Amino acid sequence: MPICLVKQHLETVASILTAIVNVSLSSGVFPAELSKAVLTPVLKKPSLDRNLLKSNYRLVSNLPFVMCVGKLIEKVVSTHVSNYINVYELSDPYQSAYKVSHSTETALTYVQNDILRAIDNQRAVLLLMLDLSAAFDTVDHGILLEWLAGDFGIGAKLVQDLH
């Protein structure tokens, strides 16, 4: 179903989409069909060598309507979890990622301020920087899910289904 058609008839489709999202949330099941996309390799620039697949192409995912429903469920879950974390003040006060009004610039400002205050107080400063861009790939998901259930109170049903 083309997304433009959905937008034109949103009043009619909204109740159906709401029902799908609610069933997914209440059952704790995210249907596998909703996470499939058609990937198309696209040449980054016309002047690049077409034979170098890895470096000269980027993948573009064409999302069928069913995938858009999956994205909708993901957004609802993300919003619910974020609200839960905010209401119960579960996030670390020094965390900048995934917080409203926080960014890389905010984090850098905090670090710079801490360094300048330490220097003003004639203290030694040591800055250790790590590239954690792929750190989540190394996390044991079983331990993470247990931690979410234990420390954050994320429901056992959700944790069980994610595991």
N, C-alpha and C. Protein backbone atom coordinates (compact mmCIF):
# COMPACT_ATOMS: atom_id res chain seq x y z
N MET A 1 0.85 -1.17 0.00
CA MET A 1 0.00 0.00 0.00
C MET A 1 0.91 1.24 0.00
N PRO A 2 0.76 2.12 -0.95
CA PRO A 2 1.59 3.33 -0.99
C PRO A 2 1.30 4.22 0.23
N ILE A 3 2.36 4.79 0.76
CA ILE A 3 2.23 5.62 1.96
C ILE A 3 1.36 6.85 1.71
N CYS A 4 1.37 7.37 0.48
CA CYS A 4 0.54 8.54 0.16
C CYS A 4 -0.95 8.19 0.30
N LEU A 5 -1.30 6.95 -0.03
CA LEU A 5 -2.67 6.50 0.12
C LEU A 5 -3.06 6.40 1.60
N VAL A 6 -2.13 5.94 2.40
CA VAL A 6 -2.36 5.86 3.85
C VAL A 6 -2.59 7.26 4.41
N LYS A 7 -1.75 8.21 4.00
CA LYS A 7 -1.88 9.59 4.50
C LYS A 7 -3.22 10.20 4.10
N GLN A 8 -3.68 9.90 2.89
CA GLN A 8 -4.95 10.45 2.42
C GLN A 8 -6.13 9.91 3.22
N HIS A 9 -6.00 8.69 3.72
CA HIS A 9 -7.11 8.04 4.42
C HIS A 9 -6.72 7.71 5.87
N LEU A 10 -5.98 8.62 6.48
CA LEU A 10 -5.46 8.37 7.82
C LEU A 10 -6.55 8.14 8.85
N GLU A 11 -7.68 8.86 8.74
CA GLU A 11 -8.76 8.67 9.72
C GLU A 11 -9.27 7.23 9.69
N THR A 12 -9.33 6.65 8.52
CA THR A 12 -9.81 5.27 8.37
C THR A 12 -8.77 4.27 8.84
N VAL A 13 -7.52 4.52 8.51
CA VAL A 13 -6.45 3.57 8.78
C VAL A 13 -5.93 3.67 10.21
N ALA A 14 -6.09 4.84 10.86
CA ALA A 14 -5.51 5.06 12.19
C ALA A 14 -5.98 4.03 13.21
N SER A 15 -7.26 3.69 13.20
CA SER A 15 -7.75 2.73 14.18
C SER A 15 -7.15 1.34 13.95
N ILE A 16 -6.94 0.99 12.70
CA ILE A 16 -6.33 -0.32 12.37
C ILE A 16 -4.87 -0.34 12.82
N LEU A 17 -4.15 0.75 12.53
CA LEU A 17 -2.75 0.84 12.95
C LEU A 17 -2.63 0.81 14.46
N THR A 18 -3.53 1.52 15.14
CA THR A 18 -3.53 1.54 16.61
C THR A 18 -3.74 0.14 17.15
N ALA A 19 -4.67 -0.60 16.56
CA ALA A 19 -4.94 -1.98 17.00
C ALA A 19 -3.71 -2.87 16.80
N ILE A 20 -3.02 -2.73 15.67
CA ILE A 20 -1.82 -3.53 15.40
C ILE A 20 -0.74 -3.22 16.43
N VAL A 21 -0.52 -1.93 16.70
CA VAL A 21 0.49 -1.52 17.68
C VAL A 21 0.12 -2.06 19.06
N ASN A 22 -1.13 -1.92 19.46
CA ASN A 22 -1.56 -2.37 20.78
C ASN A 22 -1.43 -3.89 20.95
N VAL A 23 -1.76 -4.65 19.92
CA VAL A 23 -1.61 -6.11 19.99
C VAL A 23 -0.14 -6.47 20.13
N SER A 24 0.73 -5.80 19.37
CA SER A 24 2.16 -6.06 19.46
C SER A 24 2.68 -5.76 20.86
N LEU A 25 2.25 -4.62 21.43
CA LEU A 25 2.71 -4.25 22.77
C LEU A 25 2.18 -5.19 23.84
N SER A 26 0.89 -5.51 23.78
CA SER A 26 0.29 -6.35 24.82
C SER A 26 0.78 -7.79 24.75
N SER A 27 1.08 -8.28 23.56
CA SER A 27 1.56 -9.66 23.42
C SER A 27 3.07 -9.75 23.60
N GLY A 28 3.76 -8.62 23.47
CA GLY A 28 5.21 -8.63 23.57
C GLY A 28 5.88 -9.24 22.36
N VAL A 29 5.17 -9.26 21.24
CA VAL A 29 5.71 -9.88 20.02
C VAL A 29 5.84 -8.82 18.93
N PHE A 30 7.01 -8.79 18.32
CA PHE A 30 7.24 -7.92 17.17
C PHE A 30 7.34 -8.83 15.96
N PRO A 31 6.31 -8.82 15.10
CA PRO A 31 6.30 -9.75 13.95
C PRO A 31 7.53 -9.56 13.05
N ALA A 32 8.17 -10.68 12.72
CA ALA A 32 9.38 -10.64 11.90
C ALA A 32 9.14 -9.98 10.54
N GLU A 33 7.92 -10.11 10.01
CA GLU A 33 7.62 -9.54 8.68
C GLU A 33 7.75 -8.02 8.70
N LEU A 34 7.62 -7.42 9.88
CA LEU A 34 7.67 -5.96 9.96
C LEU A 34 9.09 -5.41 9.99
N SER A 35 10.08 -6.28 10.00
CA SER A 35 11.46 -5.80 10.06
C SER A 35 12.24 -6.13 8.80
N LYS A 36 11.54 -6.42 7.72
CA LYS A 36 12.21 -6.73 6.45
C LYS A 36 12.16 -5.53 5.52
N ALA A 37 13.26 -5.28 4.84
CA ALA A 37 13.32 -4.19 3.88
C ALA A 37 14.00 -4.69 2.61
N VAL A 38 13.76 -4.01 1.52
CA VAL A 38 14.42 -4.32 0.26
C VAL A 38 15.62 -3.38 0.15
N LEU A 39 16.82 -3.96 0.14
CA LEU A 39 18.04 -3.16 0.06
C LEU A 39 18.51 -3.06 -1.38
N THR A 40 18.79 -1.85 -1.81
CA THR A 40 19.25 -1.61 -3.18
C THR A 40 20.59 -0.89 -3.12
N PRO A 41 21.65 -1.48 -3.72
CA PRO A 41 22.93 -0.78 -3.75
C PRO A 41 22.89 0.37 -4.76
N VAL A 42 23.32 1.55 -4.33
CA VAL A 42 23.32 2.73 -5.20
C VAL A 42 24.74 3.29 -5.24
N LEU A 43 25.22 3.55 -6.44
CA LEU A 43 26.56 4.11 -6.62
C LEU A 43 26.60 5.51 -5.99
N LYS A 44 27.61 5.76 -5.15
CA LYS A 44 27.70 7.05 -4.45
C LYS A 44 27.87 8.22 -5.41
N LYS A 45 28.73 8.05 -6.42
CA LYS A 45 28.95 9.08 -7.43
C LYS A 45 29.09 8.40 -8.78
N PRO A 46 28.59 9.00 -9.85
CA PRO A 46 28.68 8.38 -11.17
C PRO A 46 30.12 8.13 -11.63
N SER A 47 31.06 8.91 -11.12
CA SER A 47 32.45 8.79 -11.56
C SER A 47 33.20 7.64 -10.89
N LEU A 48 32.60 7.01 -9.90
CA LEU A 48 33.29 5.95 -9.17
C LEU A 48 33.27 4.62 -9.92
N ASP A 49 34.24 3.78 -9.59
CA ASP A 49 34.36 2.46 -10.21
C ASP A 49 33.20 1.56 -9.75
N ARG A 50 32.43 1.07 -10.70
CA ARG A 50 31.26 0.23 -10.40
C ARG A 50 31.65 -1.15 -9.87
N ASN A 51 32.90 -1.55 -10.03
CA ASN A 51 33.33 -2.88 -9.59
C ASN A 51 33.73 -2.93 -8.12
N LEU A 52 33.94 -1.77 -7.50
CA LEU A 52 34.29 -1.74 -6.07
C LEU A 52 33.01 -1.60 -5.25
N LEU A 53 32.39 -2.74 -4.99
CA LEU A 53 31.08 -2.75 -4.34
C LEU A 53 31.11 -2.17 -2.92
N LYS A 54 32.10 -2.58 -2.14
CA LYS A 54 32.11 -2.21 -0.73
C LYS A 54 32.34 -0.71 -0.50
N SER A 55 33.24 -0.11 -1.25
CA SER A 55 33.59 1.28 -0.98
C SER A 55 32.82 2.31 -1.81
N ASN A 56 32.30 1.92 -2.97
CA ASN A 56 31.69 2.91 -3.85
C ASN A 56 30.16 2.88 -3.88
N TYR A 57 29.57 1.97 -3.14
CA TYR A 57 28.11 1.87 -3.11
C TYR A 57 27.61 2.11 -1.69
N ARG A 58 26.40 2.59 -1.60
CA ARG A 58 25.72 2.67 -0.31
C ARG A 58 24.39 1.95 -0.48
N LEU A 59 23.93 1.37 0.61
CA LEU A 59 22.66 0.64 0.55
C LEU A 59 21.51 1.58 0.88
N VAL A 60 20.49 1.52 0.07
CA VAL A 60 19.28 2.29 0.31
C VAL A 60 18.19 1.27 0.59
N SER A 61 17.50 1.46 1.71
CA SER A 61 16.43 0.51 2.02
C SER A 61 15.09 1.09 1.58
N ASN A 62 14.41 0.34 0.76
CA ASN A 62 13.08 0.71 0.31
C ASN A 62 12.10 0.02 1.24
N LEU A 63 11.38 0.81 1.99
CA LEU A 63 10.50 0.26 3.00
C LEU A 63 9.09 0.08 2.46
N PRO A 64 8.64 -1.17 2.39
CA PRO A 64 7.24 -1.37 2.03
C PRO A 64 6.37 -0.89 3.18
N PHE A 65 5.09 -0.71 2.93
CA PHE A 65 4.18 -0.19 3.95
C PHE A 65 4.24 -1.01 5.23
N VAL A 66 4.33 -2.32 5.10
CA VAL A 66 4.36 -3.18 6.28
C VAL A 66 5.55 -2.83 7.17
N MET A 67 6.67 -2.43 6.55
CA MET A 67 7.84 -2.02 7.30
C MET A 67 7.57 -0.70 8.04
N CYS A 68 6.79 0.16 7.44
CA CYS A 68 6.44 1.42 8.10
C CYS A 68 5.64 1.16 9.37
N VAL A 69 4.83 0.12 9.37
CA VAL A 69 4.10 -0.27 10.57
C VAL A 69 5.10 -0.70 11.65
N GLY A 70 6.13 -1.43 11.24
CA GLY A 70 7.18 -1.83 12.17
C GLY A 70 7.88 -0.62 12.76
N LYS A 71 8.18 0.37 11.94
CA LYS A 71 8.81 1.60 12.41
C LYS A 71 7.90 2.33 13.40
N LEU A 72 6.60 2.29 13.14
CA LEU A 72 5.63 2.91 14.03
C LEU A 72 5.66 2.23 15.40
N ILE A 73 5.69 0.90 15.42
CA ILE A 73 5.76 0.16 16.68
C ILE A 73 7.06 0.51 17.41
N GLU A 74 8.17 0.55 16.68
CA GLU A 74 9.45 0.90 17.29
C GLU A 74 9.39 2.29 17.93
N LYS A 75 8.79 3.23 17.25
CA LYS A 75 8.68 4.60 17.76
C LYS A 75 7.83 4.65 19.03
N VAL A 76 6.71 3.90 19.03
CA VAL A 76 5.84 3.87 20.21
C VAL A 76 6.60 3.27 21.40
N VAL A 77 7.30 2.15 21.18
CA VAL A 77 8.07 1.53 22.26
C VAL A 77 9.15 2.47 22.76
N SER A 78 9.86 3.10 21.83
CA SER A 78 10.92 4.04 22.20
C SER A 78 10.37 5.19 23.04
N THR A 79 9.22 5.72 22.65
CA THR A 79 8.60 6.82 23.39
C THR A 79 8.19 6.36 24.78
N HIS A 80 7.59 5.17 24.88
CA HIS A 80 7.16 4.64 26.18
C HIS A 80 8.36 4.42 27.11
N VAL A 81 9.43 3.82 26.58
CA VAL A 81 10.61 3.55 27.40
C VAL A 81 11.26 4.87 27.82
N SER A 82 11.38 5.83 26.91
CA SER A 82 11.96 7.13 27.25
C SER A 82 11.15 7.83 28.32
N ASN A 83 9.83 7.82 28.18
CA ASN A 83 8.97 8.44 29.19
C ASN A 83 9.12 7.75 30.54
N TYR A 84 9.18 6.44 30.53
CA TYR A 84 9.37 5.66 31.76
C TYR A 84 10.67 6.05 32.44
N ILE A 85 11.75 6.10 31.67
CA ILE A 85 13.06 6.46 32.21
C ILE A 85 13.03 7.88 32.78
N ASN A 86 12.36 8.80 32.10
CA ASN A 86 12.29 10.18 32.57
C ASN A 86 11.42 10.33 33.81
N VAL A 87 10.25 9.68 33.83
CA VAL A 87 9.34 9.79 34.97
C VAL A 87 9.99 9.26 36.25
N TYR A 88 10.69 8.15 36.14
CA TYR A 88 11.31 7.53 37.32
C TYR A 88 12.77 7.95 37.51
N GLU A 89 13.21 8.93 36.73
CA GLU A 89 14.56 9.50 36.83
C GLU A 89 15.63 8.41 36.86
N LEU A 90 15.59 7.54 35.87
CA LEU A 90 16.49 6.40 35.82
C LEU A 90 17.76 6.66 35.00
N SER A 91 17.81 7.76 34.28
CA SER A 91 19.00 8.01 33.45
C SER A 91 20.09 8.65 34.31
N ASP A 92 21.30 8.40 33.90
CA ASP A 92 22.46 8.97 34.58
C ASP A 92 22.46 10.48 34.36
N PRO A 93 22.69 11.27 35.39
CA PRO A 93 22.66 12.73 35.22
C PRO A 93 23.73 13.25 34.25
N TYR A 94 24.79 12.47 34.05
CA TYR A 94 25.86 12.91 33.15
C TYR A 94 25.69 12.40 31.73
N GLN A 95 24.63 11.65 31.47
CA GLN A 95 24.39 11.14 30.13
C GLN A 95 23.88 12.26 29.23
N SER A 96 24.44 12.36 28.04
CA SER A 96 23.98 13.36 27.08
C SER A 96 23.23 12.73 25.92
N ALA A 97 23.56 11.49 25.60
CA ALA A 97 22.92 10.84 24.45
C ALA A 97 21.46 10.52 24.74
N TYR A 98 20.64 10.66 23.73
CA TYR A 98 19.22 10.30 23.77
C TYR A 98 18.43 11.10 24.79
N LYS A 99 18.85 12.31 25.07
CA LYS A 99 18.13 13.18 26.00
C LYS A 99 17.75 14.46 25.28
N VAL A 100 16.56 14.95 25.57
CA VAL A 100 16.10 16.21 24.99
C VAL A 100 17.03 17.32 25.48
N SER A 101 17.38 18.22 24.59
CA SER A 101 18.24 19.38 24.89
C SER A 101 19.66 18.98 25.28
N HIS A 102 20.09 17.78 24.93
CA HIS A 102 21.46 17.34 25.15
C HIS A 102 22.01 16.87 23.81
N SER A 103 23.31 17.10 23.63
CA SER A 103 23.93 16.74 22.36
C SER A 103 25.41 16.52 22.58
N THR A 104 26.12 16.28 21.50
CA THR A 104 27.57 16.17 21.57
C THR A 104 28.17 17.47 22.11
N GLU A 105 27.60 18.59 21.66
CA GLU A 105 28.10 19.89 22.12
C GLU A 105 27.89 20.06 23.62
N THR A 106 26.76 19.59 24.13
CA THR A 106 26.50 19.66 25.57
C THR A 106 27.53 18.85 26.33
N ALA A 107 27.80 17.64 25.88
CA ALA A 107 28.78 16.78 26.53
C ALA A 107 30.16 17.41 26.51
N LEU A 108 30.55 17.99 25.36
CA LEU A 108 31.86 18.63 25.26
C LEU A 108 31.95 19.86 26.17
N THR A 109 30.86 20.58 26.29
CA THR A 109 30.83 21.75 27.18
C THR A 109 31.03 21.32 28.63
N TYR A 110 30.38 20.23 29.04
CA TYR A 110 30.57 19.71 30.40
C TYR A 110 32.02 19.32 30.64
N VAL A 111 32.61 18.60 29.70
CA VAL A 111 34.00 18.15 29.83
C VAL A 111 34.93 19.35 29.90
N GLN A 112 34.74 20.30 29.00
CA GLN A 112 35.60 21.51 29.01
C GLN A 112 35.46 22.25 30.33
N ASN A 113 34.25 22.39 30.81
CA ASN A 113 34.02 23.08 32.08
C ASN A 113 34.71 22.35 33.24
N ASP A 114 34.61 21.03 33.26
CA ASP A 114 35.27 20.26 34.32
C ASP A 114 36.78 20.42 34.27
N ILE A 115 37.34 20.42 33.07
CA ILE A 115 38.79 20.59 32.91
C ILE A 115 39.22 21.97 33.39
N LEU A 116 38.49 23.00 32.95
CA LEU A 116 38.85 24.37 33.34
C LEU A 116 38.72 24.59 34.85
N ARG A 117 37.69 24.01 35.46
CA ARG A 117 37.52 24.15 36.91
C ARG A 117 38.66 23.45 37.65
N ALA A 118 39.07 22.26 37.16
CA ALA A 118 40.17 21.55 37.79
C ALA A 118 41.47 22.34 37.67
N ILE A 119 41.72 22.93 36.51
CA ILE A 119 42.92 23.74 36.32
C ILE A 119 42.88 24.96 37.24
N ASP A 120 41.72 25.62 37.32
CA ASP A 120 41.57 26.78 38.22
C ASP A 120 41.87 26.40 39.67
N ASN A 121 41.54 25.18 40.05
CA ASN A 121 41.79 24.71 41.42
C ASN A 121 43.15 24.05 41.56
N GLN A 122 44.00 24.25 40.55
CA GLN A 122 45.38 23.73 40.52
C GLN A 122 45.43 22.22 40.73
N ARG A 123 44.54 21.54 40.06
CA ARG A 123 44.50 20.08 40.12
C ARG A 123 45.01 19.52 38.80
N ALA A 124 45.53 18.32 38.85
CA ALA A 124 46.00 17.65 37.63
C ALA A 124 44.79 17.19 36.83
N VAL A 125 44.94 17.20 35.52
CA VAL A 125 43.85 16.79 34.64
C VAL A 125 44.37 15.69 33.72
N LEU A 126 43.60 14.62 33.65
CA LEU A 126 43.90 13.53 32.74
C LEU A 126 42.62 13.25 31.96
N LEU A 127 42.73 13.27 30.65
CA LEU A 127 41.57 13.02 29.80
C LEU A 127 41.82 11.76 29.00
N LEU A 128 40.99 10.77 29.21
CA LEU A 128 41.08 9.51 28.49
C LEU A 128 39.90 9.46 27.54
N MET A 129 40.17 9.29 26.25
CA MET A 129 39.09 9.26 25.26
C MET A 129 39.04 7.89 24.61
N LEU A 130 37.82 7.37 24.50
CA LEU A 130 37.61 6.07 23.89
C LEU A 130 36.62 6.20 22.75
N ASP A 131 36.83 5.44 21.71
CA ASP A 131 35.86 5.39 20.61
C ASP A 131 34.91 4.24 20.91
N LEU A 132 33.70 4.56 21.35
CA LEU A 132 32.73 3.55 21.71
C LEU A 132 31.64 3.39 20.65
N SER A 133 31.95 3.78 19.41
CA SER A 133 30.93 3.77 18.36
C SER A 133 30.40 2.37 18.09
N ALA A 134 31.19 1.34 18.31
CA ALA A 134 30.71 -0.02 18.07
C ALA A 134 30.60 -0.80 19.38
N ALA A 135 30.59 -0.11 20.50
CA ALA A 135 30.59 -0.77 21.80
C ALA A 135 29.35 -1.64 22.01
N PHE A 136 28.20 -1.21 21.51
CA PHE A 136 26.98 -1.97 21.74
C PHE A 136 27.06 -3.35 21.11
N ASP A 137 27.85 -3.49 20.05
CA ASP A 137 28.01 -4.79 19.40
C ASP A 137 28.70 -5.80 20.31
N THR A 138 29.44 -5.32 21.32
CA THR A 138 30.19 -6.22 22.20
C THR A 138 29.43 -6.52 23.49
N VAL A 139 28.28 -5.91 23.69
CA VAL A 139 27.51 -6.10 24.92
C VAL A 139 26.83 -7.47 24.90
N ASP A 140 26.93 -8.18 26.02
CA ASP A 140 26.22 -9.44 26.17
C ASP A 140 24.74 -9.11 26.36
N HIS A 141 23.91 -9.44 25.37
CA HIS A 141 22.50 -9.04 25.41
C HIS A 141 21.73 -9.69 26.55
N GLY A 142 22.12 -10.90 26.95
CA GLY A 142 21.48 -11.55 28.09
C GLY A 142 21.67 -10.73 29.36
N ILE A 143 22.91 -10.29 29.60
CA ILE A 143 23.21 -9.47 30.78
C ILE A 143 22.48 -8.13 30.69
N LEU A 144 22.46 -7.53 29.51
CA LEU A 144 21.78 -6.25 29.33
C LEU A 144 20.29 -6.38 29.64
N LEU A 145 19.66 -7.43 29.15
CA LEU A 145 18.23 -7.62 29.38
C LEU A 145 17.93 -7.88 30.85
N GLU A 146 18.80 -8.63 31.53
CA GLU A 146 18.63 -8.84 32.98
C GLU A 146 18.75 -7.52 33.72
N TRP A 147 19.70 -6.70 33.30
CA TRP A 147 19.91 -5.39 33.93
C TRP A 147 18.69 -4.49 33.71
N LEU A 148 18.15 -4.51 32.50
CA LEU A 148 16.94 -3.71 32.23
C LEU A 148 15.79 -4.14 33.13
N ALA A 149 15.64 -5.44 33.31
CA ALA A 149 14.56 -5.95 34.16
C ALA A 149 14.81 -5.63 35.63
N GLY A 150 16.04 -5.84 36.09
CA GLY A 150 16.35 -5.65 37.50
C GLY A 150 16.46 -4.19 37.92
N ASP A 151 17.27 -3.42 37.22
CA ASP A 151 17.54 -2.03 37.63
C ASP A 151 16.50 -1.04 37.11
N PHE A 152 15.91 -1.32 35.96
CA PHE A 152 14.98 -0.38 35.37
C PHE A 152 13.53 -0.80 35.50
N GLY A 153 13.30 -2.05 35.88
CA GLY A 153 11.93 -2.52 36.02
C GLY A 153 11.21 -2.70 34.70
N ILE A 154 11.98 -2.84 33.61
CA ILE A 154 11.36 -3.10 32.31
C ILE A 154 10.72 -4.48 32.41
N GLY A 155 9.46 -4.58 32.02
CA GLY A 155 8.66 -5.78 32.23
C GLY A 155 9.31 -7.07 31.76
N ALA A 156 9.08 -8.11 32.55
CA ALA A 156 9.65 -9.43 32.25
C ALA A 156 9.20 -9.93 30.88
N LYS A 157 7.96 -9.63 30.49
CA LYS A 157 7.45 -10.08 29.20
C LYS A 157 8.29 -9.48 28.07
N LEU A 158 8.56 -8.19 28.15
CA LEU A 158 9.35 -7.53 27.13
C LEU A 158 10.76 -8.08 27.13
N VAL A 159 11.37 -8.23 28.29
CA VAL A 159 12.73 -8.74 28.38
C VAL A 159 12.81 -10.17 27.85
N GLN A 160 11.83 -11.00 28.19
CA GLN A 160 11.80 -12.39 27.73
C GLN A 160 11.72 -12.43 26.20
N ASP A 161 10.86 -11.60 25.60
CA ASP A 161 10.70 -11.62 24.16
C ASP A 161 11.89 -11.04 23.43
N LEU A 162 12.59 -10.07 24.06
CA LEU A 162 13.80 -9.52 23.43
C LEU A 162 14.93 -10.53 23.47
N HIS A 163 14.95 -11.35 24.49
CA HIS A 163 16.02 -12.33 24.70
C HIS A 163 15.81 -13.45 23.71
